[in-house]
Structures are given as structure tokens and as C-alpha cells.
């Protein structure tokens, strides 16, 4: 769950959206470049918040917690001394992701 947005937060977002177009950050046009800069700035803010060196760490945004945990399970080298050699296949020999359901 999440909390309610404050009026000032909503007004700030609406003012930003009214004054600028944000395109797909994976495209190449003016509105997309604006979005690319905003995503890069957000990544830098996250790394700075955790005092993480951008030369050693990357910030990846996902759609949600399940997708994030799946990525960790597929890419993390679970065995000591092993590196994850993740290919396009989700069958990694060095890790597993198990879905659980709360009752």
C-alpha cells in the first residue's frame, strides 16, 4: 500500500506535466531526451542516497517488487566464486527464484 499524495505534490507534478512533454526514454527525440535526463538524475539520486559509488553499482528501475526480486535471483551469483553468466534464458544454473503466496 501507499499513502495519499499531498496537494502540493499533485500540484508540482501537474505543473511539470503542463510545461513539458516526456517521451519514451529509449527513443531519440526532444521529449525522449528530456525523459532520459530525468531518469538519469533519479538514478544518481538513488545511488547518492545509499552512498553507492556509480563506478561499482547500478540503479535499475523495475515495474514492481516481484520483477525486481526475479532479476536479483537470476543475476546474483549465489555460489561462492561463481559469476552469473545470464543469457536470454531464465534457466540460470547459479540461482533460482521461487514464488511464494501468503495465505
PDB file of N, CA and C in Angstrom:
ATOM      1  N   UNK A   1       0.805  -1.175   0.000  1.00  0.00           N
ATOM      2  CA  UNK A   1       0.000   0.000   0.000  1.00  0.00           C
ATOM      3  C   UNK A   1       0.862   1.258   0.000  1.00  0.00           C
ATOM      4  N   UNK A   2       0.219   2.331  -0.225  1.00  0.00           N
ATOM      5  CA  UNK A   2       0.913   3.615  -0.211  1.00  0.00           C
ATOM      6  C   UNK A   2       0.012   4.655   0.425  1.00  0.00           C
ATOM      7  N   UNK A   3       0.618   5.761   0.787  1.00  0.00           N
ATOM      8  CA  UNK A   3      -0.130   6.856   1.379  1.00  0.00           C
ATOM      9  C   UNK A   3      -0.750   7.742   0.312  1.00  0.00           C
ATOM     10  N   UNK A   4      -1.586   8.629   0.757  1.00  0.00           N
ATOM     11  CA  UNK A   4      -2.221   9.591  -0.144  1.00  0.00           C
ATOM     12  C   UNK A   4      -1.218  10.660  -0.548  1.00  0.00           C
ATOM     13  N   UNK A   5      -1.327  11.127  -1.783  1.00  0.00           N
ATOM     14  CA  UNK A   5      -0.481  12.216  -2.247  1.00  0.00           C
ATOM     15  C   UNK A   5      -0.967  13.514  -1.620  1.00  0.00           C
ATOM     16  N   UNK A   6      -0.036  14.387  -1.289  1.00  0.00           N
ATOM     17  CA  UNK A   6      -0.427  15.688  -0.754  1.00  0.00           C
ATOM     18  C   UNK A   6      -0.824  16.604  -1.905  1.00  0.00           C
ATOM     19  N   UNK A   7      -1.572  17.622  -1.593  1.00  0.00           N
ATOM     20  CA  UNK A   7      -1.997  18.584  -2.611  1.00  0.00           C
ATOM     21  C   UNK A   7      -0.791  19.242  -3.267  1.00  0.00           C
ATOM     22  N   UNK A   8       0.236  19.558  -2.478  1.00  0.00           N
ATOM     23  CA  UNK A   8       1.420  20.206  -3.045  1.00  0.00           C
ATOM     24  C   UNK A   8       2.167  19.271  -4.000  1.00  0.00           C
ATOM     25  N   UNK A   9       2.198  17.973  -3.689  1.00  0.00           N
ATOM     26  CA  UNK A   9       2.832  17.012  -4.594  1.00  0.00           C
ATOM     27  C   UNK A   9       2.080  16.940  -5.922  1.00  0.00           C
ATOM     28  N   UNK A  10       0.777  16.851  -5.851  1.00  0.00           N
ATOM     29  CA  UNK A  10      -0.043  16.790  -7.062  1.00  0.00           C
ATOM     30  C   UNK A  10       0.102  18.062  -7.894  1.00  0.00           C
ATOM     31  N   UNK A  11       0.109  19.208  -7.233  1.00  0.00           N
ATOM     32  CA  UNK A  11       0.257  20.471  -7.961  1.00  0.00           C
ATOM     33  C   UNK A  11       1.620  20.561  -8.644  1.00  0.00           C
ATOM     34  N   UNK A  12       2.668  20.113  -7.975  1.00  0.00           N
ATOM     35  CA  UNK A  12       4.008  20.149  -8.570  1.00  0.00           C
ATOM     36  C   UNK A  12       4.088  19.239  -9.796  1.00  0.00           C
ATOM     37  N   UNK A  13       3.505  18.042  -9.700  1.00  0.00           N
ATOM     38  CA  UNK A  13       3.514  17.119 -10.834  1.00  0.00           C
ATOM     39  C   UNK A  13       2.692  17.682 -11.984  1.00  0.00           C
ATOM     40  N   UNK A  14       1.526  18.216 -11.681  1.00  0.00           N
ATOM     41  CA  UNK A  14       0.672  18.772 -12.739  1.00  0.00           C
ATOM     42  C   UNK A  14       1.351  19.951 -13.424  1.00  0.00           C
ATOM     43  N   UNK A  15       2.042  20.797 -12.673  1.00  0.00           N
ATOM     44  CA  UNK A  15       2.753  21.939 -13.264  1.00  0.00           C
ATOM     45  C   UNK A  15       3.872  21.443 -14.186  1.00  0.00           C
ATOM     46  N   UNK A  16       4.590  20.413 -13.753  1.00  0.00           N
ATOM     47  CA  UNK A  16       5.664  19.873 -14.581  1.00  0.00           C
ATOM     48  C   UNK A  16       5.115  19.261 -15.866  1.00  0.00           C
ATOM     49  N   UNK A  17       4.034  18.487 -15.746  1.00  0.00           N
ATOM     50  CA  UNK A  17       3.444  17.855 -16.922  1.00  0.00           C
ATOM     51  C   UNK A  17       2.817  18.877 -17.872  1.00  0.00           C
ATOM     52  N   UNK A  18       2.283  19.967 -17.323  1.00  0.00           N
ATOM     53  CA  UNK A  18       1.680  21.009 -18.167  1.00  0.00           C
ATOM     54  C   UNK A  18       2.745  21.787 -18.924  1.00  0.00           C
ATOM     55  N   UNK A  19       3.952  21.840 -18.394  1.00  0.00           N
ATOM     56  CA  UNK A  19       5.003  22.645 -19.000  1.00  0.00           C
ATOM     57  C   UNK A  19       5.986  21.891 -19.867  1.00  0.00           C
ATOM     58  N   UNK A  20       5.915  20.562 -19.871  1.00  0.00           N
ATOM     59  CA  UNK A  20       6.894  19.789 -20.635  1.00  0.00           C
ATOM     60  C   UNK A  20       6.313  18.444 -21.035  1.00  0.00           C
ATOM     61  N   UNK A  21       6.738  17.964 -22.176  1.00  0.00           N
ATOM     62  CA  UNK A  21       6.350  16.631 -22.636  1.00  0.00           C
ATOM     63  C   UNK A  21       7.478  15.657 -22.309  1.00  0.00           C
ATOM     64  N   UNK A  22       7.108  14.486 -21.855  1.00  0.00           N
ATOM     65  CA  UNK A  22       8.084  13.452 -21.533  1.00  0.00           C
ATOM     66  C   UNK A  22       7.814  12.250 -22.431  1.00  0.00           C
ATOM     67  N   UNK A  23       8.790  11.891 -23.240  1.00  0.00           N
ATOM     68  CA  UNK A  23       8.644  10.767 -24.157  1.00  0.00           C
ATOM     69  C   UNK A  23       9.295   9.521 -23.606  1.00  0.00           C
ATOM     70  N   UNK A  24       9.287   8.483 -24.403  1.00  0.00           N
ATOM     71  CA  UNK A  24       9.920   7.220 -24.053  1.00  0.00           C
ATOM     72  C   UNK A  24      11.428   7.439 -23.950  1.00  0.00           C
ATOM     73  N   UNK A  25      12.041   7.149 -22.798  1.00  0.00           N
ATOM     74  CA  UNK A  25      13.483   7.393 -22.651  1.00  0.00           C
ATOM     75  C   UNK A  25      14.344   6.513 -23.554  1.00  0.00           C
ATOM     76  N   UNK A  26      13.750   5.533 -24.212  1.00  0.00           N
ATOM     77  CA  UNK A  26      14.502   4.665 -25.108  1.00  0.00           C
ATOM     78  C   UNK A  26      14.448   5.141 -26.556  1.00  0.00           C
ATOM     79  N   UNK A  27      13.775   6.252 -26.802  1.00  0.00           N
ATOM     80  CA  UNK A  27      13.675   6.814 -28.151  1.00  0.00           C
ATOM     81  C   UNK A  27      14.624   7.988 -28.302  1.00  0.00           C
ATOM     82  N   UNK A  28      14.700   8.536 -29.508  1.00  0.00           N
ATOM     83  CA  UNK A  28      15.610   9.648 -29.785  1.00  0.00           C
ATOM     84  C   UNK A  28      14.845  10.833 -30.362  1.00  0.00           C
ATOM     85  N   UNK A  29      14.276  11.639 -29.487  1.00  0.00           N
ATOM     86  CA  UNK A  29      13.662  12.903 -29.884  1.00  0.00           C
ATOM     87  C   UNK A  29      13.690  13.830 -28.675  1.00  0.00           C
ATOM     88  N   UNK A  30      13.267  15.064 -28.843  1.00  0.00           N
ATOM     89  CA  UNK A  30      13.407  16.043 -27.754  1.00  0.00           C
ATOM     90  C   UNK A  30      12.701  15.628 -26.471  1.00  0.00           C
ATOM     91  N   UNK A  31      11.450  15.172 -26.580  1.00  0.00           N
ATOM     92  CA  UNK A  31      10.731  14.798 -25.359  1.00  0.00           C
ATOM     93  C   UNK A  31      11.338  13.536 -24.737  1.00  0.00           C
ATOM     94  N   UNK A  32      11.854  12.644 -25.561  1.00  0.00           N
ATOM     95  CA  UNK A  32      12.500  11.444 -25.035  1.00  0.00           C
ATOM     96  C   UNK A  32      13.821  11.770 -24.355  1.00  0.00           C
ATOM     97  N   UNK A  33      14.565  12.708 -24.908  1.00  0.00           N
ATOM     98  CA  UNK A  33      15.832  13.113 -24.279  1.00  0.00           C
ATOM     99  C   UNK A  33      15.580  13.743 -22.916  1.00  0.00           C
ATOM    100  N   UNK A  34      14.477  14.492 -22.807  1.00  0.00           N
ATOM    101  CA  UNK A  34      14.110  15.082 -21.510  1.00  0.00           C
ATOM    102  C   UNK A  34      13.845  13.957 -20.503  1.00  0.00           C
ATOM    103  N   UNK A  35      13.097  12.947 -20.909  1.00  0.00           N
ATOM    104  CA  UNK A  35      12.804  11.821 -20.025  1.00  0.00           C
ATOM    105  C   UNK A  35      14.084  11.073 -19.666  1.00  0.00           C
ATOM    106  N   UNK A  36      14.984  10.904 -20.625  1.00  0.00           N
ATOM    107  CA  UNK A  36      16.258  10.222 -20.381  1.00  0.00           C
ATOM    108  C   UNK A  36      17.062  10.962 -19.322  1.00  0.00           C
ATOM    109  N   UNK A  37      17.094  12.286 -19.410  1.00  0.00           N
ATOM    110  CA  UNK A  37      17.820  13.084 -18.401  1.00  0.00           C
ATOM    111  C   UNK A  37      17.181  12.942 -17.018  1.00  0.00           C
ATOM    112  N   UNK A  38      15.858  12.926 -16.962  1.00  0.00           N
ATOM    113  CA  UNK A  38      15.165  12.788 -15.675  1.00  0.00           C
ATOM    114  C   UNK A  38      15.436  11.417 -15.048  1.00  0.00           C
ATOM    115  N   UNK A  39      15.421  10.360 -15.859  1.00  0.00           N
ATOM    116  CA  UNK A  39      15.701   9.013 -15.353  1.00  0.00           C
ATOM    117  C   UNK A  39      17.142   8.931 -14.854  1.00  0.00           C
ATOM    118  N   UNK A  40      18.073   9.507 -15.607  1.00  0.00           N
ATOM    119  CA  UNK A  40      19.482   9.502 -15.189  1.00  0.00           C
ATOM    120  C   UNK A  40      19.658  10.255 -13.869  1.00  0.00           C
ATOM    121  N   UNK A  41      18.968  11.378 -13.730  1.00  0.00           N
ATOM    122  CA  UNK A  41      19.052  12.152 -12.483  1.00  0.00           C
ATOM    123  C   UNK A  41      18.471  11.358 -11.320  1.00  0.00           C
ATOM    124  N   UNK A  42      17.366  10.662 -11.553  1.00  0.00           N
ATOM    125  CA  UNK A  42      16.758   9.843 -10.500  1.00  0.00           C
ATOM    126  C   UNK A  42      17.698   8.715 -10.084  1.00  0.00           C
ATOM    127  N   UNK A  43      18.359   8.094 -11.063  1.00  0.00           N
ATOM    128  CA  UNK A  43      19.329   7.037 -10.739  1.00  0.00           C
ATOM    129  C   UNK A  43      20.451   7.590  -9.859  1.00  0.00           C
ATOM    130  N   UNK A  44      20.965   8.746 -10.226  1.00  0.00           N
ATOM    131  CA  UNK A  44      22.038   9.371  -9.446  1.00  0.00           C
ATOM    132  C   UNK A  44      21.572   9.681  -8.024  1.00  0.00           C
ATOM    133  N   UNK A  45      20.328  10.144  -7.876  1.00  0.00           N
ATOM    134  CA  UNK A  45      19.803  10.455  -6.548  1.00  0.00           C
ATOM    135  C   UNK A  45      19.681   9.194  -5.688  1.00  0.00           C
ATOM    136  N   UNK A  46      19.242   8.102  -6.294  1.00  0.00           N
ATOM    137  CA  UNK A  46      19.131   6.835  -5.553  1.00  0.00           C
ATOM    138  C   UNK A  46      20.510   6.366  -5.105  1.00  0.00           C
ATOM    139  N   UNK A  47      21.481   6.379  -6.016  1.00  0.00           N
ATOM    140  CA  UNK A  47      22.839   5.953  -5.658  1.00  0.00           C
ATOM    141  C   UNK A  47      23.426   6.854  -4.574  1.00  0.00           C
ATOM    142  N   UNK A  48      23.205   8.156  -4.679  1.00  0.00           N
ATOM    143  CA  UNK A  48      23.708   9.087  -3.669  1.00  0.00           C
ATOM    144  C   UNK A  48      23.053   8.829  -2.316  1.00  0.00           C
ATOM    145  N   UNK A  49      21.755   8.534  -2.331  1.00  0.00           N
ATOM    146  CA  UNK A  49      21.037   8.259  -1.081  1.00  0.00           C
ATOM    147  C   UNK A  49      21.665   7.082  -0.337  1.00  0.00           C
ATOM    148  N   UNK A  50      22.077   6.064  -1.075  1.00  0.00           N
ATOM    149  CA  UNK A  50      22.682   4.882  -0.462  1.00  0.00           C
ATOM    150  C   UNK A  50      24.202   4.966  -0.396  1.00  0.00           C
ATOM    151  N   UNK A  51      24.739   6.136  -0.731  1.00  0.00           N
ATOM    152  CA  UNK A  51      26.186   6.343  -0.726  1.00  0.00           C
ATOM    153  C   UNK A  51      26.878   5.248  -1.552  1.00  0.00           C
ATOM    154  N   UNK A  52      26.301   4.940  -2.707  1.00  0.00           N
ATOM    155  CA  UNK A  52      26.812   3.883  -3.584  1.00  0.00           C
ATOM    156  C   UNK A  52      27.608   4.509  -4.724  1.00  0.00           C
ATOM    157  N   UNK A  53      28.810   4.042  -4.893  1.00  0.00           N
ATOM    158  CA  UNK A  53      29.690   4.534  -5.952  1.00  0.00           C
ATOM    159  C   UNK A  53      29.142   4.111  -7.312  1.00  0.00           C
ATOM    160  N   UNK A  54      28.823   5.070  -8.202  1.00  0.00           N
ATOM    161  CA  UNK A  54      28.285   4.708  -9.517  1.00  0.00           C
ATOM    162  C   UNK A  54      29.258   3.913 -10.384  1.00  0.00           C
ATOM    163  N   UNK A  55      30.537   3.885 -10.003  1.00  0.00           N
ATOM    164  CA  UNK A  55      31.505   3.053 -10.720  1.00  0.00           C
ATOM    165  C   UNK A  55      31.369   1.576 -10.319  1.00  0.00           C
ATOM    166  N   UNK A  56      30.740   1.327  -9.164  1.00  0.00           N
ATOM    167  CA  UNK A  56      30.597  -0.037  -8.664  1.00  0.00           C
ATOM    168  C   UNK A  56      29.158  -0.541  -8.668  1.00  0.00           C
ATOM    169  N   UNK A  57      28.193   0.374  -8.648  1.00  0.00           N
ATOM    170  CA  UNK A  57      26.789  -0.005  -8.527  1.00  0.00           C
ATOM    171  C   UNK A  57      25.958   0.612  -9.644  1.00  0.00           C
ATOM    172  N   UNK A  58      24.859  -0.067  -9.961  1.00  0.00           N
ATOM    173  CA  UNK A  58      23.904   0.428 -10.945  1.00  0.00           C
ATOM    174  C   UNK A  58      22.526   0.484 -10.295  1.00  0.00           C
ATOM    175  N   UNK A  59      21.731   1.436 -10.702  1.00  0.00           N
ATOM    176  CA  UNK A  59      20.361   1.552 -10.244  1.00  0.00           C
ATOM    177  C   UNK A  59      19.457   1.152 -11.412  1.00  0.00           C
ATOM    178  N   UNK A  60      18.627   0.149 -11.183  1.00  0.00           N
ATOM    179  CA  UNK A  60      17.725  -0.346 -12.217  1.00  0.00           C
ATOM    180  C   UNK A  60      16.294  -0.177 -11.720  1.00  0.00           C
ATOM    181  N   UNK A  61      15.468   0.475 -12.520  1.00  0.00           N
ATOM    182  CA  UNK A  61      14.062   0.634 -12.167  1.00  0.00           C
ATOM    183  C   UNK A  61      13.257  -0.503 -12.776  1.00  0.00           C
ATOM    184  N   UNK A  62      12.357  -1.077 -11.981  1.00  0.00           N
ATOM    185  CA  UNK A  62      11.501  -2.163 -12.447  1.00  0.00           C
ATOM    186  C   UNK A  62      10.044  -1.775 -12.247  1.00  0.00           C
ATOM    187  N   UNK A  63       9.140  -2.589 -12.794  1.00  0.00           N
ATOM    188  CA  UNK A  63       7.705  -2.319 -12.663  1.00  0.00           C
ATOM    189  C   UNK A  63       7.198  -2.567 -11.253  1.00  0.00           C
ATOM    190  N   UNK A  64       7.889  -3.411 -10.509  1.00  0.00           N
ATOM    191  CA  UNK A  64       7.419  -3.723  -9.171  1.00  0.00           C
ATOM    192  C   UNK A  64       8.385  -4.628  -8.433  1.00  0.00           C
ATOM    193  N   UNK A  65       8.008  -4.971  -7.193  1.00  0.00           N
ATOM    194  CA  UNK A  65       8.875  -5.757  -6.327  1.00  0.00           C
ATOM    195  C   UNK A  65       9.121  -7.164  -6.863  1.00  0.00           C
ATOM    196  N   UNK A  66       8.102  -7.793  -7.433  1.00  0.00           N
ATOM    197  CA  UNK A  66       8.273  -9.156  -7.946  1.00  0.00           C
ATOM    198  C   UNK A  66       9.287  -9.179  -9.076  1.00  0.00           C
ATOM    199  N   UNK A  67       9.180  -8.228 -10.002  1.00  0.00           N
ATOM    200  CA  UNK A  67      10.140  -8.169 -11.101  1.00  0.00           C
ATOM    201  C   UNK A  67      11.545  -7.897 -10.576  1.00  0.00           C
ATOM    202  N   UNK A  68      11.665  -7.033  -9.584  1.00  0.00           N
ATOM    203  CA  UNK A  68      12.972  -6.724  -9.007  1.00  0.00           C
ATOM    204  C   UNK A  68      13.587  -7.959  -8.354  1.00  0.00           C
ATOM    205  N   UNK A  69      12.796  -8.685  -7.574  1.00  0.00           N
ATOM    206  CA  UNK A  69      13.316  -9.877  -6.906  1.00  0.00           C
ATOM    207  C   UNK A  69      13.676 -10.961  -7.923  1.00  0.00           C
ATOM    208  N   UNK A  70      12.912 -11.071  -8.997  1.00  0.00           N
ATOM    209  CA  UNK A  70      13.220 -12.044 -10.046  1.00  0.00           C
ATOM    210  C   UNK A  70      14.558 -11.706 -10.692  1.00  0.00           C
ATOM    211  N   UNK A  71      14.803 -10.415 -10.952  1.00  0.00           N
ATOM    212  CA  UNK A  71      16.078 -10.008 -11.541  1.00  0.00           C
ATOM    213  C   UNK A  71      17.239 -10.336 -10.607  1.00  0.00           C
ATOM    214  N   UNK A  72      17.062 -10.063  -9.324  1.00  0.00           N
ATOM    215  CA  UNK A  72      18.120 -10.364  -8.354  1.00  0.00           C
ATOM    216  C   UNK A  72      18.401 -11.863  -8.357  1.00  0.00           C
ATOM    217  N   UNK A  73      17.345 -12.659  -8.334  1.00  0.00           N
ATOM    218  CA  UNK A  73      17.550 -14.109  -8.261  1.00  0.00           C
ATOM    219  C   UNK A  73      18.219 -14.650  -9.519  1.00  0.00           C
ATOM    220  N   UNK A  74      17.948 -14.055 -10.671  1.00  0.00           N
ATOM    221  CA  UNK A  74      18.527 -14.550 -11.914  1.00  0.00           C
ATOM    222  C   UNK A  74      19.961 -14.075 -12.137  1.00  0.00           C
ATOM    223  N   UNK A  75      20.315 -12.915 -11.642  1.00  0.00           N
ATOM    224  CA  UNK A  75      21.628 -12.345 -11.925  1.00  0.00           C
ATOM    225  C   UNK A  75      22.634 -12.499 -10.792  1.00  0.00           C
ATOM    226  N   UNK A  76      22.159 -12.727  -9.576  1.00  0.00           N
ATOM    227  CA  UNK A  76      23.063 -12.801  -8.437  1.00  0.00           C
ATOM    228  C   UNK A  76      23.825 -14.118  -8.448  1.00  0.00           C
ATOM    229  N   UNK A  77      25.159 -14.078  -8.311  1.00  0.00           N
ATOM    230  CA  UNK A  77      25.944 -15.324  -8.274  1.00  0.00           C
ATOM    231  C   UNK A  77      25.832 -15.977  -6.887  1.00  0.00           C
ATOM    232  N   UNK A  78      24.872 -16.880  -6.721  1.00  0.00           N
ATOM    233  CA  UNK A  78      24.592 -17.457  -5.413  1.00  0.00           C
ATOM    234  C   UNK A  78      25.707 -18.344  -4.893  1.00  0.00           C
ATOM    235  N   UNK A  79      26.444 -19.000  -5.758  1.00  0.00           N
ATOM    236  CA  UNK A  79      27.520 -19.886  -5.320  1.00  0.00           C
ATOM    237  C   UNK A  79      28.808 -19.102  -5.155  1.00  0.00           C
ATOM    238  N   UNK A  80      29.568 -19.334  -4.071  1.00  0.00           N
ATOM    239  CA  UNK A  80      30.830 -18.615  -3.874  1.00  0.00           C
ATOM    240  C   UNK A  80      31.796 -18.857  -5.029  1.00  0.00           C
ATOM    241  N   UNK A  81      32.433 -17.812  -5.493  1.00  0.00           N
ATOM    242  CA  UNK A  81      33.417 -17.929  -6.552  1.00  0.00           C
ATOM    243  C   UNK A  81      32.835 -18.000  -7.944  1.00  0.00           C
ATOM    244  N   UNK A  82      31.514 -18.068  -8.056  1.00  0.00           N
ATOM    245  CA  UNK A  82      30.872 -18.135  -9.362  1.00  0.00           C
ATOM    246  C   UNK A  82      30.393 -16.755  -9.779  1.00  0.00           C
ATOM    247  N   UNK A  83      30.400 -16.511 -11.049  1.00  0.00           N
ATOM    248  CA  UNK A  83      29.775 -15.304 -11.568  1.00  0.00           C
ATOM    249  C   UNK A  83      28.570 -15.728 -12.373  1.00  0.00           C
ATOM    250  N   UNK A  84      27.537 -14.927 -12.355  1.00  0.00           N
ATOM    251  CA  UNK A  84      26.336 -15.254 -13.101  1.00  0.00           C
ATOM    252  C   UNK A  84      26.567 -14.980 -14.571  1.00  0.00           C
ATOM    253  N   UNK A  85      26.371 -15.993 -15.381  1.00  0.00           N
ATOM    254  CA  UNK A  85      26.502 -15.824 -16.831  1.00  0.00           C
ATOM    255  C   UNK A  85      25.110 -15.907 -17.425  1.00  0.00           C
ATOM    256  N   UNK A  86      24.302 -14.894 -17.112  1.00  0.00           N
ATOM    257  CA  UNK A  86      22.902 -14.878 -17.514  1.00  0.00           C
ATOM    258  C   UNK A  86      22.781 -14.638 -19.012  1.00  0.00           C
ATOM    259  N   UNK A  87      22.039 -15.506 -19.658  1.00  0.00           N
ATOM    260  CA  UNK A  87      21.761 -15.331 -21.078  1.00  0.00           C
ATOM    261  C   UNK A  87      20.300 -14.950 -21.228  1.00  0.00           C
ATOM    262  N   UNK A  88      19.781 -15.036 -22.429  1.00  0.00           N
ATOM    263  CA  UNK A  88      18.381 -14.699 -22.642  1.00  0.00           C
ATOM    264  C   UNK A  88      17.462 -15.725 -21.992  1.00  0.00           C
ATOM    265  N   UNK A  89      17.997 -16.870 -21.623  1.00  0.00           N
ATOM    266  CA  UNK A  89      17.210 -17.906 -20.956  1.00  0.00           C
ATOM    267  C   UNK A  89      17.050 -17.559 -19.486  1.00  0.00           C
ATOM    268  N   UNK A  90      15.889 -17.886 -18.922  1.00  0.00           N
ATOM    269  CA  UNK A  90      15.685 -17.644 -17.494  1.00  0.00           C
ATOM    270  C   UNK A  90      16.123 -18.842 -16.665  1.00  0.00           C
ATOM    271  N   UNK A  91      16.676 -19.876 -17.286  1.00  0.00           N
ATOM    272  CA  UNK A  91      17.156 -21.050 -16.562  1.00  0.00           C
ATOM    273  C   UNK A  91      18.614 -20.849 -16.183  1.00  0.00           C
ATOM    274  N   UNK A  92      18.853 -20.216 -15.061  1.00  0.00           N
ATOM    275  CA  UNK A  92      20.207 -19.963 -14.602  1.00  0.00           C
ATOM    276  C   UNK A  92      20.659 -21.122 -13.732  1.00  0.00           C
ATOM    277  N   UNK A  93      21.859 -21.599 -13.938  1.00  0.00           N
ATOM    278  CA  UNK A  93      22.361 -22.714 -13.138  1.00  0.00           C
ATOM    279  C   UNK A  93      22.842 -22.254 -11.777  1.00  0.00           C
ATOM    280  N   UNK A  94      23.040 -20.966 -11.589  1.00  0.00           N
ATOM    281  CA  UNK A  94      23.587 -20.491 -10.315  1.00  0.00           C
ATOM    282  C   UNK A  94      22.537 -19.873  -9.403  1.00  0.00           C
ATOM    283  N   UNK A  95      21.271 -19.828  -9.820  1.00  0.00           N
ATOM    284  CA  UNK A  95      20.270 -19.215  -8.957  1.00  0.00           C
ATOM    285  C   UNK A  95      18.880 -19.738  -9.274  1.00  0.00           C
ATOM    286  N   UNK A  96      17.969 -19.519  -8.328  1.00  0.00           N
ATOM    287  CA  UNK A  96      16.582 -19.883  -8.505  1.00  0.00           C
ATOM    288  C   UNK A  96      15.722 -18.780  -7.947  1.00  0.00           C
ATOM    289  N   UNK A  97      14.539 -18.652  -8.509  1.00  0.00           N
ATOM    290  CA  UNK A  97      13.555 -17.716  -7.965  1.00  0.00           C
ATOM    291  C   UNK A  97      12.301 -18.523  -7.669  1.00  0.00           C
ATOM    292  N   UNK A  98      11.841 -18.443  -6.444  1.00  0.00           N
ATOM    293  CA  UNK A  98      10.669 -19.220  -6.036  1.00  0.00           C
ATOM    294  C   UNK A  98       9.581 -18.246  -5.624  1.00  0.00           C
ATOM    295  N   UNK A  99       8.416 -18.366  -6.258  1.00  0.00           N
ATOM    296  CA  UNK A  99       7.288 -17.527  -5.905  1.00  0.00           C
ATOM    297  C   UNK A  99       6.596 -18.133  -4.684  1.00  0.00           C
ATOM    298  N   UNK A 100       6.269 -17.316  -3.737  1.00  0.00           N
ATOM    299  CA  UNK A 100       5.515 -17.784  -2.582  1.00  0.00           C
ATOM    300  C   UNK A 100       4.225 -16.982  -2.499  1.00  0.00           C
ATOM    301  N   UNK A 101       3.265 -17.544  -1.809  1.00  0.00           N
ATOM    302  CA  UNK A 101       1.989 -16.870  -1.682  1.00  0.00           C
ATOM    303  C   UNK A 101       1.602 -16.860  -0.208  1.00  0.00           C
ATOM    304  N   UNK A 102       1.267 -15.682   0.279  1.00  0.00           N
ATOM    305  CA  UNK A 102       0.817 -15.571   1.665  1.00  0.00           C
ATOM    306  C   UNK A 102      -0.639 -15.997   1.748  1.00  0.00           C
ATOM    307  N   UNK A 103      -0.967 -16.748   2.781  1.00  0.00           N
ATOM    308  CA  UNK A 103      -2.364 -17.213   2.956  1.00  0.00           C
ATOM    309  C   UNK A 103      -3.104 -16.311   3.892  1.00  0.00           C
TER     310      UNK A 103
END
